Amino acid sequence: MKRSRDLAGARPGHFGVQRGTSPPTFPPTNPTKEEPRGETQPASRPLPVRERKWSTGIPVPMLAGIQRIARTHPEVLFFPLATLLLGLNVGPWGFGPNYVVTFALYITLQRSNVIFPITWSLSVALFVSTLWLILRTHRLNSWRSFLVAGTLPFLAVSLFEVPCDLANWATYPGSGTTVFDIVSILTWLALGFTSIGWWRVTKRYWVFLAGFLGSFAAWFAMGFPTIDRATGSALEVAFAFNIGLKIACFPLAALPVWEELRRLRATGEKPDGALGVSPRSTAGPIEESAQRGGALPSTNTRTM
């Protein structure tokens, strides 16, 4: 290390300070800022204050506004979609009033088929369990919770019937399945979107959905044998695919809502009205804490 000219005569060990003189002083490296005195950087910094968004996990930006409305007021989606379902199916261009009569006969178990008892049981279980979970978190009042939970069975049934009708229409052109039948079941799928305000789509859901659609593709590749047409070993294949996929479509419909309810319980968000946030602010608990200058929640409460 080079010595300066002023310290050239200093003896080793004195660090350039001659006996009887004070140590040299040096200007601070940054005179405008006070140097830290042993303080360490906090482990985590407050997050920037941003508007709270309930993301579905689906990469469609326009769904954000729809989801925000449907979260607090699911009736905004339910009534138009229910009107569409009834208007399309009950009108003279559809199935007529017999559509409602047939629906009532199936719901009351006065009419059935081989698979319908499974469908009916799973629908009731899905409705009751989801309604109980929503009411348990105190997120919505009773009748709005009823709308969210009550439309999930429509979503579950349509998740099975839409690909089933498409495969049936493609495999058996003269079987009686028409384009209107497919459009009709799509109205059930649309009604199921009433619950979109309470969706949280995770990687687990996409894996489940890929396996569900892959199973339908395998069924179609095997000739799509159905219970009312197949015989022998093909009938066993038809029963296996039909029952297995019918059971799978119900947790597939429930998973996004259950994931969101699970997240709410994990984060410990206190309910306030319908959303669990302050009515004077749209920021979530983390953003509100950062805005007040408080510490962030523990990493154990991170969202899933």
C-alpha atoms as a PDB file:
ATOM      1  CA  MET A   1       0.000   0.000   0.000  1.00  0.00           C
ATOM      2  CA  LYS A   2       1.522   3.407  -1.015  1.00  0.00           C
ATOM      3  CA  ARG A   3       2.093   6.088   1.564  1.00  0.00           C
ATOM      4  CA  SER A   4       1.309   9.742   0.890  1.00  0.00           C
ATOM      5  CA  ARG A   5       4.057  12.385   0.781  1.00  0.00           C
ATOM      6  CA  ASP A   6       3.035  13.791   4.204  1.00  0.00           C
ATOM      7  CA  LEU A   7       3.484  10.396   5.809  1.00  0.00           C
ATOM      8  CA  ALA A   8       6.681   9.404   4.024  1.00  0.00           C
ATOM      9  CA  GLY A   9       8.837   9.803   7.158  1.00  0.00           C
ATOM     10  CA  ALA A  10       6.631   7.896   9.518  1.00  0.00           C
ATOM     11  CA  ARG A  11       7.999   4.798  11.097  1.00  0.00           C
ATOM     12  CA  PRO A  12       6.308   1.468  10.542  1.00  0.00           C
ATOM     13  CA  GLY A  13       3.751   0.656  13.156  1.00  0.00           C
ATOM     14  CA  HIS A  14       2.716   4.260  13.731  1.00  0.00           C
ATOM     15  CA  PHE A  15       0.387   4.303  10.699  1.00  0.00           C
ATOM     16  CA  GLY A  16       1.738   7.601   9.509  1.00  0.00           C
ATOM     17  CA  VAL A  17       1.072   9.436  12.832  1.00  0.00           C
ATOM     18  CA  GLN A  18       4.103  11.049  14.408  1.00  0.00           C
ATOM     19  CA  ARG A  19       4.495  11.159  18.145  1.00  0.00           C
ATOM     20  CA  GLY A  20       2.726  14.092  19.764  1.00  0.00           C
ATOM     21  CA  THR A  21       0.414  14.849  16.849  1.00  0.00           C
ATOM     22  CA  SER A  22      -3.271  14.086  16.455  1.00  0.00           C
ATOM     23  CA  PRO A  23      -4.414  11.504  13.918  1.00  0.00           C
ATOM     24  CA  PRO A  24      -5.238  12.838  10.471  1.00  0.00           C
ATOM     25  CA  THR A  25      -8.889  13.419   9.732  1.00  0.00           C
ATOM     26  CA  PHE A  26     -10.549  12.610   6.450  1.00  0.00           C
ATOM     27  CA  PRO A  27     -13.749  14.109   5.027  1.00  0.00           C
ATOM     28  CA  PRO A  28     -16.830  11.867   5.173  1.00  0.00           C
ATOM     29  CA  THR A  29     -17.499   9.894   2.045  1.00  0.00           C
ATOM     30  CA  ASN A  30     -21.048  11.266   1.826  1.00  0.00           C
ATOM     31  CA  PRO A  31     -21.459  14.480   3.846  1.00  0.00           C
ATOM     32  CA  THR A  32     -25.138  14.855   2.895  1.00  0.00           C
ATOM     33  CA  LYS A  33     -26.285  11.574   4.412  1.00  0.00           C
ATOM     34  CA  GLU A  34     -25.913  10.372   7.944  1.00  0.00           C
ATOM     35  CA  GLU A  35     -24.158   7.041   8.044  1.00  0.00           C
ATOM     36  CA  PRO A  36     -26.013   4.190   9.732  1.00  0.00           C
ATOM     37  CA  ARG A  37     -25.022   3.387  13.291  1.00  0.00           C
ATOM     38  CA  GLY A  38     -25.155  -0.339  13.399  1.00  0.00           C
ATOM     39  CA  GLU A  39     -28.718  -0.509  12.063  1.00  0.00           C
ATOM     40  CA  THR A  40     -29.518  -3.377   9.767  1.00  0.00           C
ATOM     41  CA  GLN A  41     -31.842  -3.339   6.789  1.00  0.00           C
ATOM     42  CA  PRO A  42     -35.297  -4.650   7.702  1.00  0.00           C
ATOM     43  CA  ALA A  43     -35.985  -8.155   6.536  1.00  0.00           C
ATOM     44  CA  SER A  44     -38.960  -7.075   4.493  1.00  0.00           C
ATOM     45  CA  ARG A  45     -40.110  -3.748   3.128  1.00  0.00           C
ATOM     46  CA  PRO A  46     -43.733  -2.590   2.959  1.00  0.00           C
ATOM     47  CA  LEU A  47     -45.351  -3.371  -0.306  1.00  0.00           C
ATOM     48  CA  PRO A  48     -46.413  -0.449  -2.485  1.00  0.00           C
ATOM     49  CA  VAL A  49     -49.990   0.619  -1.974  1.00  0.00           C
ATOM     50  CA  ARG A  50     -52.018  -0.722  -4.851  1.00  0.00           C
ATOM     51  CA  GLU A  51     -55.671  -1.250  -5.516  1.00  0.00           C
ATOM     52  CA  ARG A  52     -56.876  -4.595  -4.291  1.00  0.00           C
ATOM     53  CA  LYS A  53     -57.535  -7.046  -7.112  1.00  0.00           C
ATOM     54  CA  TRP A  54     -59.106 -10.468  -6.724  1.00  0.00           C
ATOM     55  CA  SER A  55     -57.338 -12.300  -9.524  1.00  0.00           C
ATOM     56  CA  THR A  56     -58.913 -15.465 -10.840  1.00  0.00           C
ATOM     57  CA  GLY A  57     -55.553 -16.792 -11.952  1.00  0.00           C
ATOM     58  CA  ILE A  58     -56.846 -16.796 -15.521  1.00  0.00           C
ATOM     59  CA  PRO A  59     -54.765 -14.586 -17.862  1.00  0.00           C
ATOM     60  CA  VAL A  60     -57.740 -12.512 -19.076  1.00  0.00           C
ATOM     61  CA  PRO A  61     -57.484  -8.903 -17.803  1.00  0.00           C
ATOM     62  CA  MET A  62     -61.125  -8.039 -18.541  1.00  0.00           C
ATOM     63  CA  LEU A  63     -62.266 -10.594 -15.952  1.00  0.00           C
ATOM     64  CA  ALA A  64     -60.921  -8.412 -13.123  1.00  0.00           C
ATOM     65  CA  GLY A  65     -63.838  -5.973 -13.229  1.00  0.00           C
ATOM     66  CA  ILE A  66     -66.412  -8.733 -13.642  1.00  0.00           C
ATOM     67  CA  GLN A  67     -64.917 -10.643 -10.750  1.00  0.00           C
ATOM     68  CA  ARG A  68     -64.939  -7.594  -8.488  1.00  0.00           C
ATOM     69  CA  ILE A  69     -68.657  -7.046  -9.080  1.00  0.00           C
ATOM     70  CA  ALA A  70     -69.551 -10.734  -8.776  1.00  0.00           C
ATOM     71  CA  ARG A  71     -67.667 -11.013  -5.504  1.00  0.00           C
ATOM     72  CA  THR A  72     -69.964  -8.659  -3.636  1.00  0.00           C
ATOM     73  CA  HIS A  73     -73.079  -8.898  -5.822  1.00  0.00           C
ATOM     74  CA  PRO A  74     -73.306 -12.310  -7.534  1.00  0.00           C
ATOM     75  CA  GLU A  75     -76.911 -11.520  -8.432  1.00  0.00           C
ATOM     76  CA  VAL A  76     -75.613  -9.104 -11.077  1.00  0.00           C
ATOM     77  CA  LEU A  77     -74.488 -12.164 -13.041  1.00  0.00           C
ATOM     78  CA  PHE A  78     -77.054 -14.664 -11.823  1.00  0.00           C
ATOM     79  CA  PHE A  79     -80.261 -12.967 -12.947  1.00  0.00           C
ATOM     80  CA  PRO A  80     -79.161 -12.179 -16.548  1.00  0.00           C
ATOM     81  CA  LEU A  81     -77.627 -15.647 -16.984  1.00  0.00           C
ATOM     82  CA  ALA A  82     -80.663 -17.396 -15.475  1.00  0.00           C
ATOM     83  CA  THR A  83     -82.895 -15.363 -17.798  1.00  0.00           C
ATOM     84  CA  LEU A  84     -80.746 -16.432 -20.743  1.00  0.00           C
ATOM     85  CA  LEU A  85     -80.978 -20.089 -19.705  1.00  0.00           C
ATOM     86  CA  LEU A  86     -84.758 -20.051 -19.316  1.00  0.00           C
ATOM     87  CA  GLY A  87     -85.412 -17.833 -22.329  1.00  0.00           C
ATOM     88  CA  LEU A  88     -83.378 -20.025 -24.652  1.00  0.00           C
ATOM     89  CA  ASN A  89     -84.630 -23.372 -23.423  1.00  0.00           C
ATOM     90  CA  VAL A  90     -88.239 -22.673 -22.433  1.00  0.00           C
ATOM     91  CA  GLY A  91     -89.134 -20.435 -25.374  1.00  0.00           C
ATOM     92  CA  PRO A  92     -90.982 -21.710 -28.450  1.00  0.00           C
ATOM     93  CA  TRP A  93     -87.636 -21.937 -30.288  1.00  0.00           C
ATOM     94  CA  GLY A  94     -86.370 -24.286 -27.572  1.00  0.00           C
ATOM     95  CA  PHE A  95     -87.835 -27.205 -25.669  1.00  0.00           C
ATOM     96  CA  GLY A  96     -90.917 -25.361 -24.467  1.00  0.00           C
ATOM     97  CA  PRO A  97     -92.487 -25.499 -20.980  1.00  0.00           C
ATOM     98  CA  ASN A  98     -91.712 -29.218 -20.792  1.00  0.00           C
ATOM     99  CA  TYR A  99     -88.115 -28.199 -20.118  1.00  0.00           C
ATOM    100  CA  VAL A 100     -89.021 -26.914 -16.665  1.00  0.00           C
ATOM    101  CA  VAL A 101     -91.295 -29.880 -15.993  1.00  0.00           C
ATOM    102  CA  THR A 102     -88.587 -32.374 -16.936  1.00  0.00           C
ATOM    103  CA  PHE A 103     -86.041 -30.525 -14.795  1.00  0.00           C
ATOM    104  CA  ALA A 104     -88.395 -30.648 -11.803  1.00  0.00           C
ATOM    105  CA  LEU A 105     -89.032 -34.366 -12.292  1.00  0.00           C
ATOM    106  CA  TYR A 106     -85.303 -35.097 -12.262  1.00  0.00           C
ATOM    107  CA  ILE A 107     -84.630 -32.884  -9.235  1.00  0.00           C
ATOM    108  CA  THR A 108     -87.354 -34.643  -7.246  1.00  0.00           C
ATOM    109  CA  LEU A 109     -86.078 -38.053  -8.420  1.00  0.00           C
ATOM    110  CA  GLN A 110     -89.373 -38.873 -10.145  1.00  0.00           C
ATOM    111  CA  ARG A 111     -87.426 -39.469 -13.324  1.00  0.00           C
ATOM    112  CA  SER A 112     -83.950 -40.942 -13.517  1.00  0.00           C
ATOM    113  CA  ASN A 113     -81.463 -43.051 -15.433  1.00  0.00           C
ATOM    114  CA  VAL A 114     -78.522 -45.266 -14.551  1.00  0.00           C
ATOM    115  CA  ILE A 115     -76.099 -42.392 -13.857  1.00  0.00           C
ATOM    116  CA  PHE A 116     -78.415 -39.716 -12.506  1.00  0.00           C
ATOM    117  CA  PRO A 117     -78.452 -40.889  -8.830  1.00  0.00           C
ATOM    118  CA  ILE A 118     -74.695 -40.240  -8.784  1.00  0.00           C
ATOM    119  CA  THR A 119     -75.196 -36.822 -10.358  1.00  0.00           C
ATOM    120  CA  TRP A 120     -77.965 -35.912  -7.905  1.00  0.00           C
ATOM    121  CA  SER A 121     -75.978 -37.009  -4.843  1.00  0.00           C
ATOM    122  CA  LEU A 122     -72.845 -35.164  -5.886  1.00  0.00           C
ATOM    123  CA  SER A 123     -74.846 -32.025  -6.707  1.00  0.00           C
ATOM    124  CA  VAL A 124     -76.420 -31.948  -3.251  1.00  0.00           C
ATOM    125  CA  ALA A 125     -73.061 -32.601  -1.576  1.00  0.00           C
ATOM    126  CA  LEU A 126     -71.378 -29.848  -3.588  1.00  0.00           C
ATOM    127  CA  PHE A 127     -74.111 -27.322  -2.814  1.00  0.00           C
ATOM    128  CA  VAL A 128     -74.284 -28.048   0.906  1.00  0.00           C
ATOM    129  CA  SER A 129     -70.527 -28.150   1.478  1.00  0.00           C
ATOM    130  CA  THR A 130     -69.833 -24.943  -0.455  1.00  0.00           C
ATOM    131  CA  LEU A 131     -72.697 -23.093   1.227  1.00  0.00           C
ATOM    132  CA  TRP A 132     -71.391 -24.148   4.627  1.00  0.00           C
ATOM    133  CA  LEU A 133     -67.844 -23.022   3.812  1.00  0.00           C
ATOM    134  CA  ILE A 134     -68.963 -19.604   2.576  1.00  0.00           C
ATOM    135  CA  LEU A 135     -71.202 -18.995   5.584  1.00  0.00           C
ATOM    136  CA  ARG A 136     -68.450 -20.192   7.892  1.00  0.00           C
ATOM    137  CA  THR A 137     -66.131 -17.436   6.680  1.00  0.00           C
ATOM    138  CA  HIS A 138     -68.909 -14.813   7.074  1.00  0.00           C
ATOM    139  CA  ARG A 139     -68.109 -13.405   3.646  1.00  0.00           C
ATOM    140  CA  LEU A 140     -71.594 -13.059   2.162  1.00  0.00           C
ATOM    141  CA  ASN A 141     -75.107 -12.886   3.504  1.00  0.00           C
ATOM    142  CA  SER A 142     -77.270 -15.981   3.293  1.00  0.00           C
ATOM    143  CA  TRP A 143     -79.094 -15.463   0.004  1.00  0.00           C
ATOM    144  CA  ARG A 144     -75.970 -14.385  -1.889  1.00  0.00           C
ATOM    145  CA  SER A 145     -74.116 -17.382  -0.490  1.00  0.00           C
ATOM    146  CA  PHE A 146     -77.014 -19.495  -1.732  1.00  0.00           C
ATOM    147  CA  LEU A 147     -76.582 -18.089  -5.263  1.00  0.00           C
ATOM    148  CA  VAL A 148     -72.846 -18.829  -5.370  1.00  0.00           C
ATOM    149  CA  ALA A 149     -73.200 -22.348  -3.984  1.00  0.00           C
ATOM    150  CA  GLY A 150     -76.395 -23.111  -5.896  1.00  0.00           C
ATOM    151  CA  THR A 151     -74.893 -22.426  -9.320  1.00  0.00           C
ATOM    152  CA  LEU A 152     -71.869 -24.691  -8.834  1.00  0.00           C
ATOM    153  CA  PRO A 153     -73.823 -27.895  -9.644  1.00  0.00           C
ATOM    154  CA  PHE A 154     -74.804 -26.322 -12.979  1.00  0.00           C
ATOM    155  CA  LEU A 155     -71.124 -25.671 -13.657  1.00  0.00           C
ATOM    156  CA  ALA A 156     -70.154 -29.211 -12.675  1.00  0.00           C
ATOM    157  CA  VAL A 157     -72.790 -30.910 -14.835  1.00  0.00           C
ATOM    158  CA  SER A 158     -71.961 -28.733 -17.847  1.00  0.00           C
ATOM    159  CA  LEU A 159     -68.236 -29.482 -17.507  1.00  0.00           C
ATOM    160  CA  PHE A 160     -69.148 -33.092 -18.222  1.00  0.00           C
ATOM    161  CA  GLU A 161     -72.001 -32.599 -20.666  1.00  0.00           C
ATOM    162  CA  VAL A 162     -70.329 -30.105 -23.026  1.00  0.00           C
ATOM    163  CA  PRO A 163     -67.415 -32.369 -24.099  1.00  0.00           C
ATOM    164  CA  CYS A 164     -69.710 -35.405 -23.915  1.00  0.00           C
ATOM    165  CA  ASP A 165     -72.251 -33.839 -26.286  1.00  0.00           C
ATOM    166  CA  LEU A 166     -69.506 -32.671 -28.635  1.00  0.00           C
ATOM    167  CA  ALA A 167     -68.000 -36.163 -28.781  1.00  0.00           C
ATOM    168  CA  ASN A 168     -71.428 -37.755 -29.194  1.00  0.00           C
ATOM    169  CA  TRP A 169     -72.310 -35.339 -32.007  1.00  0.00           C
ATOM    170  CA  ALA A 170     -68.998 -36.048 -33.808  1.00  0.00           C
ATOM    171  CA  THR A 171     -69.023 -39.844 -33.294  1.00  0.00           C
ATOM    172  CA  TYR A 172     -72.720 -40.545 -33.891  1.00  0.00           C
ATOM    173  CA  PRO A 173     -74.022 -37.903 -36.340  1.00  0.00           C
ATOM    174  CA  GLY A 174     -77.534 -39.360 -36.477  1.00  0.00           C
ATOM    175  CA  SER A 175     -77.899 -39.968 -32.737  1.00  0.00           C
ATOM    176  CA  GLY A 176     -80.223 -37.041 -32.134  1.00  0.00           C
ATOM    177  CA  THR A 177     -77.690 -34.668 -30.557  1.00  0.00           C
ATOM    178  CA  THR A 178     -78.097 -31.326 -32.297  1.00  0.00           C
ATOM    179  CA  VAL A 179     -76.252 -28.037 -32.250  1.00  0.00           C
ATOM    180  CA  PHE A 180     -79.074 -26.581 -30.176  1.00  0.00           C
ATOM    181  CA  ASP A 181     -78.482 -29.264 -27.533  1.00  0.00           C
ATOM    182  CA  ILE A 182     -74.874 -28.108 -27.255  1.00  0.00           C
ATOM    183  CA  VAL A 183     -75.913 -24.454 -27.078  1.00  0.00           C
ATOM    184  CA  SER A 184     -78.463 -25.349 -24.421  1.00  0.00           C
ATOM    185  CA  ILE A 185     -75.910 -26.973 -22.136  1.00  0.00           C
ATOM    186  CA  LEU A 186     -73.595 -24.004 -22.682  1.00  0.00           C
ATOM    187  CA  THR A 187     -76.184 -21.856 -20.898  1.00  0.00           C
ATOM    188  CA  TRP A 188     -75.680 -24.083 -17.856  1.00  0.00           C
ATOM    189  CA  LEU A 189     -71.941 -23.475 -18.121  1.00  0.00           C
ATOM    190  CA  ALA A 190     -72.576 -19.724 -18.307  1.00  0.00           C
ATOM    191  CA  LEU A 191     -74.805 -19.825 -15.215  1.00  0.00           C
ATOM    192  CA  GLY A 192     -71.977 -21.501 -13.332  1.00  0.00           C
ATOM    193  CA  PHE A 193     -69.881 -18.361 -13.870  1.00  0.00           C
ATOM    194  CA  THR A 194     -72.015 -16.664 -11.211  1.00  0.00           C
ATOM    195  CA  SER A 195     -69.391 -17.857  -8.724  1.00  0.00           C
ATOM    196  CA  ILE A 196     -66.456 -16.303 -10.612  1.00  0.00           C
ATOM    197  CA  GLY A 197     -66.050 -13.645  -7.926  1.00  0.00           C
ATOM    198  CA  TRP A 198     -64.902 -16.376  -5.565  1.00  0.00           C
ATOM    199  CA  TRP A 199     -62.543 -18.205  -7.904  1.00  0.00           C
ATOM    200  CA  ARG A 200     -58.861 -18.690  -7.342  1.00  0.00           C
ATOM    201  CA  VAL A 201     -57.386 -20.791 -10.144  1.00  0.00           C
ATOM    202  CA  THR A 202     -54.061 -22.332  -9.163  1.00  0.00           C
ATOM    203  CA  LYS A 203     -51.597 -24.641 -10.884  1.00  0.00           C
ATOM    204  CA  ARG A 204     -53.335 -27.525  -9.156  1.00  0.00           C
ATOM    205  CA  TYR A 205     -56.518 -26.667 -11.023  1.00  0.00           C
ATOM    206  CA  TRP A 206     -54.800 -26.534 -14.432  1.00  0.00           C
ATOM    207  CA  VAL A 207     -53.236 -29.952 -13.792  1.00  0.00           C
ATOM    208  CA  PHE A 208     -56.626 -31.347 -12.784  1.00  0.00           C
ATOM    209  CA  LEU A 209     -58.305 -29.807 -15.831  1.00  0.00           C
ATOM    210  CA  ALA A 210     -55.616 -31.199 -18.173  1.00  0.00           C
ATOM    211  CA  GLY A 211     -56.127 -34.679 -16.742  1.00  0.00           C
ATOM    212  CA  PHE A 212     -59.905 -34.325 -17.048  1.00  0.00           C
ATOM    213  CA  LEU A 213     -59.763 -33.289 -20.714  1.00  0.00           C
ATOM    214  CA  GLY A 214     -57.084 -35.898 -21.413  1.00  0.00           C
ATOM    215  CA  SER A 215     -59.417 -38.598 -20.104  1.00  0.00           C
ATOM    216  CA  PHE A 216     -62.150 -37.374 -22.428  1.00  0.00           C
ATOM    217  CA  ALA A 217     -59.659 -37.469 -25.310  1.00  0.00           C
ATOM    218  CA  ALA A 218     -58.776 -41.079 -24.433  1.00  0.00           C
ATOM    219  CA  TRP A 219     -62.466 -41.995 -24.317  1.00  0.00           C
ATOM    220  CA  PHE A 220     -63.006 -40.389 -27.718  1.00  0.00           C
ATOM    221  CA  ALA A 221     -59.928 -42.161 -29.144  1.00  0.00           C
ATOM    222  CA  MET A 222     -61.378 -45.505 -28.074  1.00  0.00           C
ATOM    223  CA  GLY A 223     -64.471 -44.872 -30.192  1.00  0.00           C
ATOM    224  CA  PHE A 224     -66.483 -43.139 -27.497  1.00  0.00           C
ATOM    225  CA  PRO A 225     -68.591 -46.140 -26.405  1.00  0.00           C
ATOM    226  CA  THR A 226     -71.684 -45.032 -24.486  1.00  0.00           C
ATOM    227  CA  ILE A 227     -73.878 -46.890 -22.029  1.00  0.00           C
ATOM    228  CA  ASP A 228     -76.945 -46.886 -24.288  1.00  0.00           C
ATOM    229  CA  ARG A 229     -75.057 -48.267 -27.328  1.00  0.00           C
ATOM    230  CA  ALA A 230     -72.104 -50.355 -26.158  1.00  0.00           C
ATOM    231  CA  THR A 231     -72.167 -54.091 -25.443  1.00  0.00           C
ATOM    232  CA  GLY A 232     -69.748 -56.551 -23.897  1.00  0.00           C
ATOM    233  CA  SER A 233     -66.354 -55.185 -22.900  1.00  0.00           C
ATOM    234  CA  ALA A 234     -67.120 -51.846 -24.557  1.00  0.00           C
ATOM    235  CA  LEU A 235     -69.976 -51.394 -22.083  1.00  0.00           C
ATOM    236  CA  GLU A 236     -67.520 -51.744 -19.198  1.00  0.00           C
ATOM    237  CA  VAL A 237     -65.326 -49.079 -20.774  1.00  0.00           C
ATOM    238  CA  ALA A 238     -68.357 -46.835 -21.185  1.00  0.00           C
ATOM    239  CA  PHE A 239     -69.341 -47.213 -17.538  1.00  0.00           C
ATOM    240  CA  ALA A 240     -65.775 -46.609 -16.331  1.00  0.00           C
ATOM    241  CA  PHE A 241     -65.336 -43.384 -18.294  1.00  0.00           C
ATOM    242  CA  ASN A 242     -68.867 -42.117 -17.715  1.00  0.00           C
ATOM    243  CA  ILE A 243     -68.924 -42.617 -13.959  1.00  0.00           C
ATOM    244  CA  GLY A 244     -65.286 -41.643 -13.411  1.00  0.00           C
ATOM    245  CA  LEU A 245     -65.527 -38.382 -15.353  1.00  0.00           C
ATOM    246  CA  LYS A 246     -68.940 -37.554 -13.893  1.00  0.00           C
ATOM    247  CA  ILE A 247     -67.466 -37.808 -10.386  1.00  0.00           C
ATOM    248  CA  ALA A 248     -64.366 -35.804 -11.389  1.00  0.00           C
ATOM    249  CA  CYS A 249     -66.324 -32.867 -12.783  1.00  0.00           C
ATOM    250  CA  PHE A 250     -67.693 -31.930  -9.341  1.00  0.00           C
ATOM    251  CA  PRO A 251     -64.391 -31.292  -7.545  1.00  0.00           C
ATOM    252  CA  LEU A 252     -63.234 -29.637 -10.764  1.00  0.00           C
ATOM    253  CA  ALA A 253     -66.085 -27.132 -10.438  1.00  0.00           C
ATOM    254  CA  ALA A 254     -65.623 -26.668  -6.693  1.00  0.00           C
ATOM    255  CA  LEU A 255     -61.827 -26.340  -6.574  1.00  0.00           C
ATOM    256  CA  PRO A 256     -61.520 -22.631  -7.568  1.00  0.00           C
ATOM    257  CA  VAL A 257     -64.050 -21.539  -4.920  1.00  0.00           C
ATOM    258  CA  TRP A 258     -62.566 -23.795  -2.258  1.00  0.00           C
ATOM    259  CA  GLU A 259     -59.067 -22.516  -3.025  1.00  0.00           C
ATOM    260  CA  GLU A 260     -60.194 -18.927  -2.514  1.00  0.00           C
ATOM    261  CA  LEU A 261     -62.011 -19.729   0.731  1.00  0.00           C
ATOM    262  CA  ARG A 262     -58.947 -21.581   1.915  1.00  0.00           C
ATOM    263  CA  ARG A 263     -56.777 -18.549   1.115  1.00  0.00           C
ATOM    264  CA  LEU A 264     -59.083 -16.273   3.088  1.00  0.00           C
ATOM    265  CA  ARG A 265     -58.832 -18.499   6.138  1.00  0.00           C
ATOM    266  CA  ALA A 266     -55.046 -18.790   5.786  1.00  0.00           C
ATOM    267  CA  THR A 267     -54.494 -15.029   5.568  1.00  0.00           C
ATOM    268  CA  GLY A 268     -56.824 -14.367   8.470  1.00  0.00           C
ATOM    269  CA  GLU A 269     -58.593 -11.495   6.775  1.00  0.00           C
ATOM    270  CA  LYS A 270     -61.277 -10.144   9.075  1.00  0.00           C
ATOM    271  CA  PRO A 271     -64.675  -9.944   7.434  1.00  0.00           C
ATOM    272  CA  ASP A 272     -66.194  -6.490   7.113  1.00  0.00           C
ATOM    273  CA  GLY A 273     -69.471  -6.551   5.241  1.00  0.00           C
ATOM    274  CA  ALA A 274     -69.079  -8.924   2.312  1.00  0.00           C
ATOM    275  CA  LEU A 275     -65.387  -8.579   1.564  1.00  0.00           C
ATOM    276  CA  GLY A 276     -63.449  -8.426   4.781  1.00  0.00           C
ATOM    277  CA  VAL A 277     -61.831  -5.044   3.960  1.00  0.00           C
ATOM    278  CA  SER A 278     -62.471  -1.528   5.185  1.00  0.00           C
ATOM    279  CA  PRO A 279     -65.409   0.123   3.374  1.00  0.00           C
ATOM    280  CA  ARG A 280     -63.323   3.306   3.123  1.00  0.00           C
ATOM    281  CA  SER A 281     -60.519   1.614   1.224  1.00  0.00           C
ATOM    282  CA  THR A 282     -60.155  -0.908  -1.572  1.00  0.00           C
ATOM    283  CA  ALA A 283     -56.722  -1.987  -0.349  1.00  0.00           C
ATOM    284  CA  GLY A 284     -56.279  -5.441   1.065  1.00  0.00           C
ATOM    285  CA  PRO A 285     -54.935  -6.237   4.543  1.00  0.00           C
ATOM    286  CA  ILE A 286     -51.301  -6.271   3.389  1.00  0.00           C
ATOM    287  CA  GLU A 287     -51.591  -3.005   1.494  1.00  0.00           C
ATOM    288  CA  GLU A 288     -53.479  -1.327   4.344  1.00  0.00           C
ATOM    289  CA  SER A 289     -50.767  -2.368   6.806  1.00  0.00           C
ATOM    290  CA  ALA A 290     -48.086  -0.968   4.513  1.00  0.00           C
ATOM    291  CA  GLN A 291     -50.021   2.269   4.131  1.00  0.00           C
ATOM    292  CA  ARG A 292     -50.101   2.713   7.903  1.00  0.00           C
ATOM    293  CA  GLY A 293     -46.389   1.926   8.122  1.00  0.00           C
ATOM    294  CA  GLY A 294     -46.955  -1.274   9.994  1.00  0.00           C
ATOM    295  CA  ALA A 295     -45.043  -4.498   9.664  1.00  0.00           C
ATOM    296  CA  LEU A 296     -45.943  -7.062   7.107  1.00  0.00           C
ATOM    297  CA  PRO A 297     -47.689 -10.273   8.108  1.00  0.00           C
ATOM    298  CA  SER A 298     -45.629 -13.353   8.688  1.00  0.00           C
ATOM    299  CA  THR A 299     -44.663 -15.432   5.708  1.00  0.00           C
ATOM    300  CA  ASN A 300     -46.869 -18.176   7.123  1.00  0.00           C
ATOM    301  CA  THR A 301     -49.898 -16.190   5.949  1.00  0.00           C
ATOM    302  CA  ARG A 302     -48.892 -15.911   2.328  1.00  0.00           C
ATOM    303  CA  THR A 303     -51.473 -16.689  -0.276  1.00  0.00           C
ATOM    304  CA  MET A 304     -51.539 -20.042  -1.937  1.00  0.00           C
END
